Amino acid sequence: MNIISYSMVSAHVAVFDTVRSRGNLMTERMEQKGNDPAFRHYFRNFWLFLLGLAHAYLVWSGDILVPYALCSVWVFLFRKKSAKALFLRAGVFLTIKLSDHLIVTSECYNSFADEGII
């Protein structure tokens, strides 16, 4: 990765972490008022996804908007979980991912991801 790509990635991450934090504050305020924040969350991230696709295809393929929009679907579902529960779930997912790459035989290296199973 050259210095220009690195600086662009760093700038995008900083900007969208700020925007995401603002979205978290909006979600908390909507919940305090008794409103359901799910519609607004998914609406905003749908547009983020479309903007990310346009930006990735027209401007720069290393864009981070599309992964943020896709991850936001799952992040929203876990927003009220405790830190302990989040760490346990992350451990399970990490174990599944790592175990895929630990299947090595004397003849070859097998990966379920390479075979299209997961």
PDB file of N, CA and C in Angstrom:
ATOM      1  N   MET A   1       0.854  -1.174   0.000  1.00  0.00           N
ATOM      2  CA  MET A   1       0.000   0.000   0.000  1.00  0.00           C
ATOM      3  C   MET A   1       0.898   1.234   0.000  1.00  0.00           C
ATOM      4  N   ASN A   2       0.655   2.127  -0.942  1.00  0.00           N
ATOM      5  CA  ASN A   2       1.474   3.331  -0.982  1.00  0.00           C
ATOM      6  C   ASN A   2       0.946   4.384  -0.011  1.00  0.00           C
ATOM      7  N   ILE A   3       1.684   5.457   0.146  1.00  0.00           N
ATOM      8  CA  ILE A   3       1.357   6.484   1.145  1.00  0.00           C
ATOM      9  C   ILE A   3       0.047   7.198   0.831  1.00  0.00           C
ATOM     10  N   ILE A   4      -0.293   7.364  -0.442  1.00  0.00           N
ATOM     11  CA  ILE A   4      -1.540   8.038  -0.807  1.00  0.00           C
ATOM     12  C   ILE A   4      -2.730   7.155  -0.421  1.00  0.00           C
ATOM     13  N   SER A   5      -2.661   5.873  -0.733  1.00  0.00           N
ATOM     14  CA  SER A   5      -3.742   4.964  -0.353  1.00  0.00           C
ATOM     15  C   SER A   5      -3.891   4.898   1.158  1.00  0.00           C
ATOM     16  N   TYR A   6      -2.767   4.834   1.849  1.00  0.00           N
ATOM     17  CA  TYR A   6      -2.819   4.766   3.311  1.00  0.00           C
ATOM     18  C   TYR A   6      -3.458   6.016   3.901  1.00  0.00           C
ATOM     19  N   SER A   7      -3.094   7.182   3.385  1.00  0.00           N
ATOM     20  CA  SER A   7      -3.662   8.421   3.918  1.00  0.00           C
ATOM     21  C   SER A   7      -5.151   8.524   3.596  1.00  0.00           C
ATOM     22  N   MET A   8      -5.575   8.025   2.437  1.00  0.00           N
ATOM     23  CA  MET A   8      -6.998   8.047   2.100  1.00  0.00           C
ATOM     24  C   MET A   8      -7.784   7.118   3.007  1.00  0.00           C
ATOM     25  N   VAL A   9      -7.247   5.938   3.274  1.00  0.00           N
ATOM     26  CA  VAL A   9      -7.927   4.995   4.167  1.00  0.00           C
ATOM     27  C   VAL A   9      -8.032   5.597   5.563  1.00  0.00           C
ATOM     28  N   SER A  10      -6.964   6.170   6.051  1.00  0.00           N
ATOM     29  CA  SER A  10      -6.969   6.757   7.386  1.00  0.00           C
ATOM     30  C   SER A  10      -7.975   7.892   7.491  1.00  0.00           C
ATOM     31  N   ALA A  11      -8.052   8.724   6.469  1.00  0.00           N
ATOM     32  CA  ALA A  11      -8.998   9.834   6.479  1.00  0.00           C
ATOM     33  C   ALA A  11     -10.437   9.327   6.458  1.00  0.00           C
ATOM     34  N   HIS A  12     -10.709   8.326   5.632  1.00  0.00           N
ATOM     35  CA  HIS A  12     -12.070   7.779   5.570  1.00  0.00           C
ATOM     36  C   HIS A  12     -12.481   7.149   6.897  1.00  0.00           C
ATOM     37  N   VAL A  13     -11.589   6.417   7.509  1.00  0.00           N
ATOM     38  CA  VAL A  13     -11.909   5.767   8.769  1.00  0.00           C
ATOM     39  C   VAL A  13     -12.222   6.812   9.832  1.00  0.00           C
ATOM     40  N   ALA A  14     -11.425   7.862   9.910  1.00  0.00           N
ATOM     41  CA  ALA A  14     -11.655   8.910  10.909  1.00  0.00           C
ATOM     42  C   ALA A  14     -12.987   9.614  10.690  1.00  0.00           C
ATOM     43  N   VAL A  15     -13.281   9.955   9.460  1.00  0.00           N
ATOM     44  CA  VAL A  15     -14.529  10.660   9.160  1.00  0.00           C
ATOM     45  C   VAL A  15     -15.730   9.781   9.464  1.00  0.00           C
ATOM     46  N   PHE A  16     -15.704   8.546   9.047  1.00  0.00           N
ATOM     47  CA  PHE A  16     -16.876   7.707   9.224  1.00  0.00           C
ATOM     48  C   PHE A  16     -17.009   7.150  10.629  1.00  0.00           C
ATOM     49  N   ASP A  17     -15.935   7.098  11.397  1.00  0.00           N
ATOM     50  CA  ASP A  17     -16.074   6.803  12.814  1.00  0.00           C
ATOM     51  C   ASP A  17     -16.805   7.945  13.514  1.00  0.00           C
ATOM     52  N   THR A  18     -16.510   9.162  13.109  1.00  0.00           N
ATOM     53  CA  THR A  18     -17.198  10.327  13.661  1.00  0.00           C
ATOM     54  C   THR A  18     -18.673  10.303  13.299  1.00  0.00           C
ATOM     55  N   VAL A  19     -18.987  10.021  12.051  1.00  0.00           N
ATOM     56  CA  VAL A  19     -20.379   9.953  11.603  1.00  0.00           C
ATOM     57  C   VAL A  19     -21.118   8.829  12.315  1.00  0.00           C
ATOM     58  N   ARG A  20     -20.476   7.689  12.470  1.00  0.00           N
ATOM     59  CA  ARG A  20     -21.089   6.556  13.149  1.00  0.00           C
ATOM     60  C   ARG A  20     -21.360   6.888  14.611  1.00  0.00           C
ATOM     61  N   SER A  21     -20.454   7.606  15.254  1.00  0.00           N
ATOM     62  CA  SER A  21     -20.665   8.013  16.646  1.00  0.00           C
ATOM     63  C   SER A  21     -21.868   8.930  16.758  1.00  0.00           C
ATOM     64  N   ARG A  22     -22.012   9.816  15.799  1.00  0.00           N
ATOM     65  CA  ARG A  22     -23.179  10.703  15.774  1.00  0.00           C
ATOM     66  C   ARG A  22     -24.462   9.880  15.622  1.00  0.00           C
ATOM     67  N   GLY A  23     -24.407   8.856  14.804  1.00  0.00           N
ATOM     68  CA  GLY A  23     -25.561   7.975  14.636  1.00  0.00           C
ATOM     69  C   GLY A  23     -25.907   7.254  15.929  1.00  0.00           C
ATOM     70  N   ASN A  24     -24.894   6.869  16.691  1.00  0.00           N
ATOM     71  CA  ASN A  24     -25.143   6.224  17.982  1.00  0.00           C
ATOM     72  C   ASN A  24     -25.837   7.168  18.945  1.00  0.00           C
ATOM     73  N   LEU A  25     -25.432   8.439  18.944  1.00  0.00           N
ATOM     74  CA  LEU A  25     -26.091   9.433  19.794  1.00  0.00           C
ATOM     75  C   LEU A  25     -27.540   9.637  19.374  1.00  0.00           C
ATOM     76  N   MET A  26     -27.777   9.688  18.070  1.00  0.00           N
ATOM     77  CA  MET A  26     -29.147   9.832  17.573  1.00  0.00           C
ATOM     78  C   MET A  26     -30.002   8.643  18.000  1.00  0.00           C
ATOM     79  N   THR A  27     -29.439   7.449  17.933  1.00  0.00           N
ATOM     80  CA  THR A  27     -30.164   6.243  18.329  1.00  0.00           C
ATOM     81  C   THR A  27     -30.537   6.308  19.806  1.00  0.00           C
ATOM     82  N   GLU A  28     -29.601   6.697  20.648  1.00  0.00           N
ATOM     83  CA  GLU A  28     -29.875   6.795  22.083  1.00  0.00           C
ATOM     84  C   GLU A  28     -30.957   7.818  22.365  1.00  0.00           C
ATOM     85  N   ARG A  29     -30.904   8.957  21.697  1.00  0.00           N
ATOM     86  CA  ARG A  29     -31.921  10.001  21.917  1.00  0.00           C
ATOM     87  C   ARG A  29     -33.295   9.538  21.458  1.00  0.00           C
ATOM     88  N   MET A  30     -33.358   8.822  20.341  1.00  0.00           N
ATOM     89  CA  MET A  30     -34.641   8.320  19.865  1.00  0.00           C
ATOM     90  C   MET A  30     -35.221   7.304  20.852  1.00  0.00           C
ATOM     91  N   GLU A  31     -34.373   6.456  21.412  1.00  0.00           N
ATOM     92  CA  GLU A  31     -34.842   5.480  22.390  1.00  0.00           C
ATOM     93  C   GLU A  31     -35.332   6.158  23.658  1.00  0.00           C
ATOM     94  N   GLN A  32     -34.650   7.233  24.083  1.00  0.00           N
ATOM     95  CA  GLN A  32     -35.080   7.972  25.269  1.00  0.00           C
ATOM     96  C   GLN A  32     -36.443   8.618  25.063  1.00  0.00           C
ATOM     97  N   LYS A  33     -36.733   9.038  23.843  1.00  0.00           N
ATOM     98  CA  LYS A  33     -38.023   9.648  23.533  1.00  0.00           C
ATOM     99  C   LYS A  33     -39.109   8.610  23.290  1.00  0.00           C
ATOM    100  N   GLY A  34     -38.743   7.333  23.277  1.00  0.00           N
ATOM    101  CA  GLY A  34     -39.718   6.277  23.072  1.00  0.00           C
ATOM    102  C   GLY A  34     -39.932   5.910  21.612  1.00  0.00           C
ATOM    103  N   ASN A  35     -39.108   6.409  20.720  1.00  0.00           N
ATOM    104  CA  ASN A  35     -39.217   6.087  19.295  1.00  0.00           C
ATOM    105  C   ASN A  35     -38.344   4.887  18.947  1.00  0.00           C
ATOM    106  N   ASP A  36     -38.699   4.203  17.884  1.00  0.00           N
ATOM    107  CA  ASP A  36     -37.922   3.058  17.419  1.00  0.00           C
ATOM    108  C   ASP A  36     -36.845   3.549  16.445  1.00  0.00           C
ATOM    109  N   PRO A  37     -35.576   3.378  16.777  1.00  0.00           N
ATOM    110  CA  PRO A  37     -34.500   3.886  15.924  1.00  0.00           C
ATOM    111  C   PRO A  37     -34.141   2.974  14.752  1.00  0.00           C
ATOM    112  N   ALA A  38     -34.735   1.802  14.664  1.00  0.00           N
ATOM    113  CA  ALA A  38     -34.332   0.840  13.634  1.00  0.00           C
ATOM    114  C   ALA A  38     -34.555   1.384  12.227  1.00  0.00           C
ATOM    115  N   PHE A  39     -35.709   1.973  11.964  1.00  0.00           N
ATOM    116  CA  PHE A  39     -35.984   2.467  10.621  1.00  0.00           C
ATOM    117  C   PHE A  39     -34.958   3.511  10.203  1.00  0.00           C
ATOM    118  N   ARG A  40     -34.707   4.472  11.066  1.00  0.00           N
ATOM    119  CA  ARG A  40     -33.743   5.531  10.729  1.00  0.00           C
ATOM    120  C   ARG A  40     -32.347   4.948  10.519  1.00  0.00           C
ATOM    121  N   HIS A  41     -31.960   3.996  11.376  1.00  0.00           N
ATOM    122  CA  HIS A  41     -30.640   3.381  11.251  1.00  0.00           C
ATOM    123  C   HIS A  41     -30.478   2.695   9.898  1.00  0.00           C
ATOM    124  N   TYR A  42     -31.441   1.850   9.547  1.00  0.00           N
ATOM    125  CA  TYR A  42     -31.339   1.110   8.287  1.00  0.00           C
ATOM    126  C   TYR A  42     -31.508   2.025   7.079  1.00  0.00           C
ATOM    127  N   PHE A  43     -32.317   3.055   7.209  1.00  0.00           N
ATOM    128  CA  PHE A  43     -32.483   4.028   6.128  1.00  0.00           C
ATOM    129  C   PHE A  43     -31.166   4.752   5.852  1.00  0.00           C
ATOM    130  N   ARG A  44     -30.530   5.233   6.908  1.00  0.00           N
ATOM    131  CA  ARG A  44     -29.250   5.940   6.747  1.00  0.00           C
ATOM    132  C   ARG A  44     -28.181   5.025   6.158  1.00  0.00           C
ATOM    133  N   ASN A  45     -28.149   3.769   6.603  1.00  0.00           N
ATOM    134  CA  ASN A  45     -27.123   2.857   6.122  1.00  0.00           C
ATOM    135  C   ASN A  45     -27.411   2.325   4.732  1.00  0.00           C
ATOM    136  N   PHE A  46     -28.668   2.318   4.330  1.00  0.00           N
ATOM    137  CA  PHE A  46     -28.992   1.995   2.942  1.00  0.00           C
ATOM    138  C   PHE A  46     -28.390   3.047   2.019  1.00  0.00           C
ATOM    139  N   TRP A  47     -28.542   4.316   2.386  1.00  0.00           N
ATOM    140  CA  TRP A  47     -27.962   5.389   1.563  1.00  0.00           C
ATOM    141  C   TRP A  47     -26.443   5.383   1.642  1.00  0.00           C
ATOM    142  N   LEU A  48     -25.903   5.036   2.786  1.00  0.00           N
ATOM    143  CA  LEU A  48     -24.449   4.900   2.907  1.00  0.00           C
ATOM    144  C   LEU A  48     -23.946   3.804   1.978  1.00  0.00           C
ATOM    145  N   PHE A  49     -24.672   2.704   1.900  1.00  0.00           N
ATOM    146  CA  PHE A  49     -24.310   1.602   1.017  1.00  0.00           C
ATOM    147  C   PHE A  49     -24.326   2.047  -0.452  1.00  0.00           C
ATOM    148  N   LEU A  50     -25.390   2.736  -0.858  1.00  0.00           N
ATOM    149  CA  LEU A  50     -25.474   3.210  -2.247  1.00  0.00           C
ATOM    150  C   LEU A  50     -24.372   4.221  -2.559  1.00  0.00           C
ATOM    151  N   LEU A  51     -24.132   5.141  -1.641  1.00  0.00           N
ATOM    152  CA  LEU A  51     -23.050   6.114  -1.831  1.00  0.00           C
ATOM    153  C   LEU A  51     -21.713   5.400  -1.909  1.00  0.00           C
ATOM    154  N   GLY A  52     -21.526   4.393  -1.070  1.00  0.00           N
ATOM    155  CA  GLY A  52     -20.278   3.628  -1.084  1.00  0.00           C
ATOM    156  C   GLY A  52     -20.072   2.879  -2.388  1.00  0.00           C
ATOM    157  N   LEU A  53     -21.144   2.286  -2.917  1.00  0.00           N
ATOM    158  CA  LEU A  53     -21.030   1.599  -4.207  1.00  0.00           C
ATOM    159  C   LEU A  53     -20.645   2.570  -5.314  1.00  0.00           C
ATOM    160  N   ALA A  54     -21.309   3.705  -5.348  1.00  0.00           N
ATOM    161  CA  ALA A  54     -20.993   4.711  -6.373  1.00  0.00           C
ATOM    162  C   ALA A  54     -19.556   5.187  -6.232  1.00  0.00           C
ATOM    163  N   HIS A  55     -19.157   5.458  -5.007  1.00  0.00           N
ATOM    164  CA  HIS A  55     -17.797   5.943  -4.782  1.00  0.00           C
ATOM    165  C   HIS A  55     -16.764   4.873  -5.130  1.00  0.00           C
ATOM    166  N   ALA A  56     -17.051   3.621  -4.779  1.00  0.00           N
ATOM    167  CA  ALA A  56     -16.103   2.530  -5.046  1.00  0.00           C
ATOM    168  C   ALA A  56     -15.942   2.289  -6.546  1.00  0.00           C
ATOM    169  N   TYR A  57     -17.026   2.380  -7.300  1.00  0.00           N
ATOM    170  CA  TYR A  57     -16.939   2.111  -8.730  1.00  0.00           C
ATOM    171  C   TYR A  57     -16.479   3.321  -9.538  1.00  0.00           C
ATOM    172  N   LEU A  58     -16.790   4.524  -9.070  1.00  0.00           N
ATOM    173  CA  LEU A  58     -16.485   5.710  -9.858  1.00  0.00           C
ATOM    174  C   LEU A  58     -15.220   6.444  -9.421  1.00  0.00           C
ATOM    175  N   VAL A  59     -14.864   6.350  -8.150  1.00  0.00           N
ATOM    176  CA  VAL A  59     -13.757   7.166  -7.645  1.00  0.00           C
ATOM    177  C   VAL A  59     -12.573   6.314  -7.195  1.00  0.00           C
ATOM    178  N   TRP A  60     -12.803   5.456  -6.200  1.00  0.00           N
ATOM    179  CA  TRP A  60     -11.686   4.747  -5.588  1.00  0.00           C
ATOM    180  C   TRP A  60     -12.151   3.400  -5.081  1.00  0.00           C
ATOM    181  N   SER A  61     -11.525   2.339  -5.522  1.00  0.00           N
ATOM    182  CA  SER A  61     -11.971   0.992  -5.182  1.00  0.00           C
ATOM    183  C   SER A  61     -11.633   0.593  -3.745  1.00  0.00           C
ATOM    184  N   GLY A  62     -10.790   1.327  -3.069  1.00  0.00           N
ATOM    185  CA  GLY A  62     -10.414   0.996  -1.696  1.00  0.00           C
ATOM    186  C   GLY A  62     -11.312   1.633  -0.659  1.00  0.00           C
ATOM    187  N   ASP A  63     -12.508   2.005  -1.050  1.00  0.00           N
ATOM    188  CA  ASP A  63     -13.421   2.723  -0.172  1.00  0.00           C
ATOM    189  C   ASP A  63     -13.923   1.841   0.975  1.00  0.00           C
ATOM    190  N   ILE A  64     -14.232   2.475   2.096  1.00  0.00           N
ATOM    191  CA  ILE A  64     -14.658   1.739   3.282  1.00  0.00           C
ATOM    192  C   ILE A  64     -16.155   1.881   3.555  1.00  0.00           C
ATOM    193  N   LEU A  65     -16.866   2.631   2.738  1.00  0.00           N
ATOM    194  CA  LEU A  65     -18.290   2.878   2.981  1.00  0.00           C
ATOM    195  C   LEU A  65     -19.140   1.620   2.880  1.00  0.00           C
ATOM    196  N   VAL A  66     -18.888   0.802   1.886  1.00  0.00           N
ATOM    197  CA  VAL A  66     -19.688  -0.411   1.704  1.00  0.00           C
ATOM    198  C   VAL A  66     -19.487  -1.379   2.876  1.00  0.00           C
ATOM    199  N   PRO A  67     -18.260  -1.673   3.304  1.00  0.00           N
ATOM    200  CA  PRO A  67     -18.118  -2.543   4.480  1.00  0.00           C
ATOM    201  C   PRO A  67     -18.772  -1.958   5.735  1.00  0.00           C
ATOM    202  N   TYR A  68     -18.701  -0.644   5.929  1.00  0.00           N
ATOM    203  CA  TYR A  68     -19.359  -0.030   7.080  1.00  0.00           C
ATOM    204  C   TYR A  68     -20.863  -0.238   7.006  1.00  0.00           C
ATOM    205  N   ALA A  69     -21.446  -0.034   5.836  1.00  0.00           N
ATOM    206  CA  ALA A  69     -22.892  -0.191   5.686  1.00  0.00           C
ATOM    207  C   ALA A  69     -23.309  -1.639   5.915  1.00  0.00           C
ATOM    208  N   LEU A  70     -22.532  -2.579   5.410  1.00  0.00           N
ATOM    209  CA  LEU A  70     -22.866  -3.996   5.597  1.00  0.00           C
ATOM    210  C   LEU A  70     -22.701  -4.427   7.054  1.00  0.00           C
ATOM    211  N   CYS A  71     -21.666  -3.952   7.702  1.00  0.00           N
ATOM    212  CA  CYS A  71     -21.446  -4.299   9.108  1.00  0.00           C
ATOM    213  C   CYS A  71     -22.498  -3.665  10.009  1.00  0.00           C
ATOM    214  N   SER A  72     -23.027  -2.519   9.609  1.00  0.00           N
ATOM    215  CA  SER A  72     -23.999  -1.829  10.455  1.00  0.00           C
ATOM    216  C   SER A  72     -25.274  -2.639  10.645  1.00  0.00           C
ATOM    217  N   VAL A  73     -25.586  -3.509   9.692  1.00  0.00           N
ATOM    218  CA  VAL A  73     -26.769  -4.365   9.832  1.00  0.00           C
ATOM    219  C   VAL A  73     -26.621  -5.239  11.069  1.00  0.00           C
ATOM    220  N   TRP A  74     -25.457  -5.823  11.250  1.00  0.00           N
ATOM    221  CA  TRP A  74     -25.219  -6.716  12.382  1.00  0.00           C
ATOM    222  C   TRP A  74     -24.922  -5.945  13.659  1.00  0.00           C
ATOM    223  N   VAL A  75     -24.228  -4.844  13.542  1.00  0.00           N
ATOM    224  CA  VAL A  75     -23.869  -4.060  14.723  1.00  0.00           C
ATOM    225  C   VAL A  75     -25.123  -3.557  15.430  1.00  0.00           C
ATOM    226  N   PHE A  76     -26.118  -3.145  14.672  1.00  0.00           N
ATOM    227  CA  PHE A  76     -27.350  -2.625  15.266  1.00  0.00           C
ATOM    228  C   PHE A  76     -28.061  -3.699  16.096  1.00  0.00           C
ATOM    229  N   LEU A  77     -27.998  -4.934  15.656  1.00  0.00           N
ATOM    230  CA  LEU A  77     -28.657  -6.014  16.381  1.00  0.00           C
ATOM    231  C   LEU A  77     -28.013  -6.289  17.740  1.00  0.00           C
ATOM    232  N   PHE A  78     -26.734  -5.965  17.877  1.00  0.00           N
ATOM    233  CA  PHE A  78     -26.000  -6.243  19.116  1.00  0.00           C
ATOM    234  C   PHE A  78     -25.783  -5.005  19.973  1.00  0.00           C
ATOM    235  N   ARG A  79     -26.462  -3.908  19.694  1.00  0.00           N
ATOM    236  CA  ARG A  79     -26.169  -2.635  20.352  1.00  0.00           C
ATOM    237  C   ARG A  79     -26.487  -2.625  21.840  1.00  0.00           C
ATOM    238  N   LYS A  80     -27.392  -3.466  22.301  1.00  0.00           N
ATOM    239  CA  LYS A  80     -27.778  -3.456  23.717  1.00  0.00           C
ATOM    240  C   LYS A  80     -27.151  -4.595  24.516  1.00  0.00           C
ATOM    241  N   LYS A  81     -26.246  -5.324  23.911  1.00  0.00           N
ATOM    242  CA  LYS A  81     -25.594  -6.443  24.603  1.00  0.00           C
ATOM    243  C   LYS A  81     -24.489  -5.919  25.513  1.00  0.00           C
ATOM    244  N   SER A  82     -24.210  -6.663  26.550  1.00  0.00           N
ATOM    245  CA  SER A  82     -23.132  -6.287  27.466  1.00  0.00           C
ATOM    246  C   SER A  82     -21.780  -6.541  26.809  1.00  0.00           C
ATOM    247  N   ALA A  83     -20.752  -5.943  27.377  1.00  0.00           N
ATOM    248  CA  ALA A  83     -19.402  -6.135  26.845  1.00  0.00           C
ATOM    249  C   ALA A  83     -18.990  -7.606  26.922  1.00  0.00           C
ATOM    250  N   LYS A  84     -19.382  -8.272  28.002  1.00  0.00           N
ATOM    251  CA  LYS A  84     -19.043  -9.684  28.161  1.00  0.00           C
ATOM    252  C   LYS A  84     -19.689 -10.524  27.057  1.00  0.00           C
ATOM    253  N   ALA A  85     -20.950 -10.258  26.779  1.00  0.00           N
ATOM    254  CA  ALA A  85     -21.652 -11.005  25.733  1.00  0.00           C
ATOM    255  C   ALA A  85     -21.034 -10.738  24.365  1.00  0.00           C
ATOM    256  N   LEU A  86     -20.644  -9.507  24.124  1.00  0.00           N
ATOM    257  CA  LEU A  86     -20.017  -9.164  22.839  1.00  0.00           C
ATOM    258  C   LEU A  86     -18.671  -9.872  22.675  1.00  0.00           C
ATOM    259  N   PHE A  87     -17.872  -9.900  23.747  1.00  0.00           N
ATOM    260  CA  PHE A  87     -16.583 -10.584  23.673  1.00  0.00           C
ATOM    261  C   PHE A  87     -16.769 -12.087  23.456  1.00  0.00           C
ATOM    262  N   LEU A  88     -17.763 -12.681  24.109  1.00  0.00           N
ATOM    263  CA  LEU A  88     -18.014 -14.109  23.916  1.00  0.00           C
ATOM    264  C   LEU A  88     -18.424 -14.399  22.472  1.00  0.00           C
ATOM    265  N   ARG A  89     -19.298 -13.588  21.914  1.00  0.00           N
ATOM    266  CA  ARG A  89     -19.713 -13.788  20.522  1.00  0.00           C
ATOM    267  C   ARG A  89     -18.535 -13.578  19.570  1.00  0.00           C
ATOM    268  N   ALA A  90     -17.733 -12.567  19.841  1.00  0.00           N
ATOM    269  CA  ALA A  90     -16.560 -12.331  18.996  1.00  0.00           C
ATOM    270  C   ALA A  90     -15.605 -13.517  19.071  1.00  0.00           C
ATOM    271  N   GLY A  91     -15.448 -14.090  20.256  1.00  0.00           N
ATOM    272  CA  GLY A  91     -14.596 -15.259  20.406  1.00  0.00           C
ATOM    273  C   GLY A  91     -15.103 -16.445  19.613  1.00  0.00           C
ATOM    274  N   VAL A  92     -16.411 -16.640  19.613  1.00  0.00           N
ATOM    275  CA  VAL A  92     -16.991 -17.740  18.843  1.00  0.00           C
ATOM    276  C   VAL A  92     -16.732 -17.537  17.354  1.00  0.00           C
ATOM    277  N   PHE A  93     -17.008 -16.336  16.853  1.00  0.00           N
ATOM    278  CA  PHE A  93     -16.794 -16.067  15.428  1.00  0.00           C
ATOM    279  C   PHE A  93     -15.321 -16.177  15.046  1.00  0.00           C
ATOM    280  N   LEU A  94     -14.446 -15.700  15.910  1.00  0.00           N
ATOM    281  CA  LEU A  94     -13.015 -15.787  15.636  1.00  0.00           C
ATOM    282  C   LEU A  94     -12.554 -17.241  15.646  1.00  0.00           C
ATOM    283  N   THR A  95     -13.075 -18.027  16.572  1.00  0.00           N
ATOM    284  CA  THR A  95     -12.720 -19.447  16.623  1.00  0.00           C
ATOM    285  C   THR A  95     -13.166 -20.174  15.360  1.00  0.00           C
ATOM    286  N   ILE A  96     -14.365 -19.865  14.894  1.00  0.00           N
ATOM    287  CA  ILE A  96     -14.852 -20.478  13.652  1.00  0.00           C
ATOM    288  C   ILE A  96     -13.936 -20.106  12.495  1.00  0.00           C
ATOM    289  N   LYS A  97     -13.579 -18.840  12.398  1.00  0.00           N
ATOM    290  CA  LYS A  97     -12.714 -18.387  11.300  1.00  0.00           C
ATOM    291  C   LYS A  97     -11.330 -19.022  11.397  1.00  0.00           C
ATOM    292  N   LEU A  98     -10.759 -19.063  12.586  1.00  0.00           N
ATOM    293  CA  LEU A  98      -9.426 -19.643  12.738  1.00  0.00           C
ATOM    294  C   LEU A  98      -9.422 -21.147  12.519  1.00  0.00           C
ATOM    295  N   SER A  99     -10.476 -21.827  12.962  1.00  0.00           N
ATOM    296  CA  SER A  99     -10.510 -23.276  12.798  1.00  0.00           C
ATOM    297  C   SER A  99     -10.566 -23.670  11.329  1.00  0.00           C
ATOM    298  N   ASP A 100     -11.109 -22.807  10.494  1.00  0.00           N
ATOM    299  CA  ASP A 100     -11.124 -23.078   9.063  1.00  0.00           C
ATOM    300  C   ASP A 100      -9.705 -23.190   8.511  1.00  0.00           C
ATOM    301  N   HIS A 101      -8.790 -22.433   9.060  1.00  0.00           N
ATOM    302  CA  HIS A 101      -7.419 -22.421   8.542  1.00  0.00           C
ATOM    303  C   HIS A 101      -6.487 -23.375   9.282  1.00  0.00           C
ATOM    304  N   LEU A 102      -7.026 -24.136  10.215  1.00  0.00           N
ATOM    305  CA  LEU A 102      -6.196 -25.087  10.939  1.00  0.00           C
ATOM    306  C   LEU A 102      -6.307 -26.510  10.405  1.00  0.00           C
ATOM    307  N   ILE A 103      -7.104 -26.690   9.378  1.00  0.00           N
ATOM    308  CA  ILE A 103      -7.285 -28.024   8.801  1.00  0.00           C
ATOM    309  C   ILE A 103      -6.170 -28.254   7.783  1.00  0.00           C
ATOM    310  N   VAL A 104      -5.105 -28.845   8.246  1.00  0.00           N
ATOM    311  CA  VAL A 104      -3.941 -29.091   7.403  1.00  0.00           C
ATOM    312  C   VAL A 104      -3.612 -30.576   7.486  1.00  0.00           C
ATOM    313  N   THR A 105      -3.455 -31.186   6.337  1.00  0.00           N
ATOM    314  CA  THR A 105      -3.050 -32.594   6.297  1.00  0.00           C
ATOM    315  C   THR A 105      -1.661 -32.693   5.694  1.00  0.00           C
ATOM    316  N   SER A 106      -1.111 -33.881   5.688  1.00  0.00           N
ATOM    317  CA  SER A 106       0.228 -34.049   5.119  1.00  0.00           C
ATOM    318  C   SER A 106       0.214 -33.847   3.607  1.00  0.00           C
ATOM    319  N   GLU A 107      -0.928 -34.033   2.956  1.00  0.00           N
ATOM    320  CA  GLU A 107      -1.009 -33.884   1.505  1.00  0.00           C
ATOM    321  C   GLU A 107      -1.290 -32.440   1.063  1.00  0.00           C
ATOM    322  N   CYS A 108      -2.129 -31.763   1.826  1.00  0.00           N
ATOM    323  CA  CYS A 108      -2.518 -30.419   1.369  1.00  0.00           C
ATOM    324  C   CYS A 108      -3.091 -29.598   2.517  1.00  0.00           C
ATOM    325  N   TYR A 109      -3.361 -28.377   2.193  1.00  0.00           N
ATOM    326  CA  TYR A 109      -4.008 -27.432   3.096  1.00  0.00           C
ATOM    327  C   TYR A 109      -5.455 -27.296   2.644  1.00  0.00           C
ATOM    328  N   ASN A 110      -6.410 -27.525   3.523  1.00  0.00           N
ATOM    329  CA  ASN A 110      -7.827 -27.437   3.180  1.00  0.00           C
ATOM    330  C   ASN A 110      -8.444 -26.218   3.842  1.00  0.00           C
ATOM    331  N   SER A 111      -9.312 -25.556   3.122  1.00  0.00           N
ATOM    332  CA  SER A 111     -10.042 -24.444   3.662  1.00  0.00           C
ATOM    333  C   SER A 111     -11.467 -24.485   3.165  1.00  0.00           C
ATOM    334  N   PHE A 112     -12.418 -24.420   4.090  1.00  0.00           N
ATOM    335  CA  PHE A 112     -13.825 -24.413   3.687  1.00  0.00           C
ATOM    336  C   PHE A 112     -14.132 -23.147   2.883  1.00  0.00           C
ATOM    337  N   ALA A 113     -13.479 -22.041   3.215  1.00  0.00           N
ATOM    338  CA  ALA A 113     -13.710 -20.793   2.493  1.00  0.00           C
ATOM    339  C   ALA A 113     -13.251 -20.921   1.036  1.00  0.00           C
ATOM    340  N   ASP A 114     -12.115 -21.582   0.810  1.00  0.00           N
ATOM    341  CA  ASP A 114     -11.613 -21.742  -0.545  1.00  0.00           C
ATOM    342  C   ASP A 114     -12.527 -22.634  -1.388  1.00  0.00           C
ATOM    343  N   GLU A 115     -13.206 -23.577  -0.709  1.00  0.00           N
ATOM    344  CA  GLU A 115     -14.095 -24.482  -1.423  1.00  0.00           C
ATOM    345  C   GLU A 115     -15.499 -23.912  -1.575  1.00  0.00           C
ATOM    346  N   GLY A 116     -15.769 -22.733  -1.014  1.00  0.00           N
ATOM    347  CA  GLY A 116     -17.068 -22.108  -1.150  1.00  0.00           C
ATOM    348  C   GLY A 116     -18.111 -22.629  -0.181  1.00  0.00           C
ATOM    349  N   ILE A 117     -17.690 -23.346   0.868  1.00  0.00           N
ATOM    350  CA  ILE A 117     -18.640 -23.885   1.837  1.00  0.00           C
ATOM    351  C   ILE A 117     -19.069 -22.816   2.824  1.00  0.00           C
ATOM    352  N   ILE A 118     -18.106 -21.993   3.289  1.00  0.00           N
ATOM    353  CA  ILE A 118     -18.450 -20.875   4.188  1.00  0.00           C
ATOM    354  C   ILE A 118     -17.978 -19.585   3.582  1.00  0.00           C
TER     355      ILE A 118
END
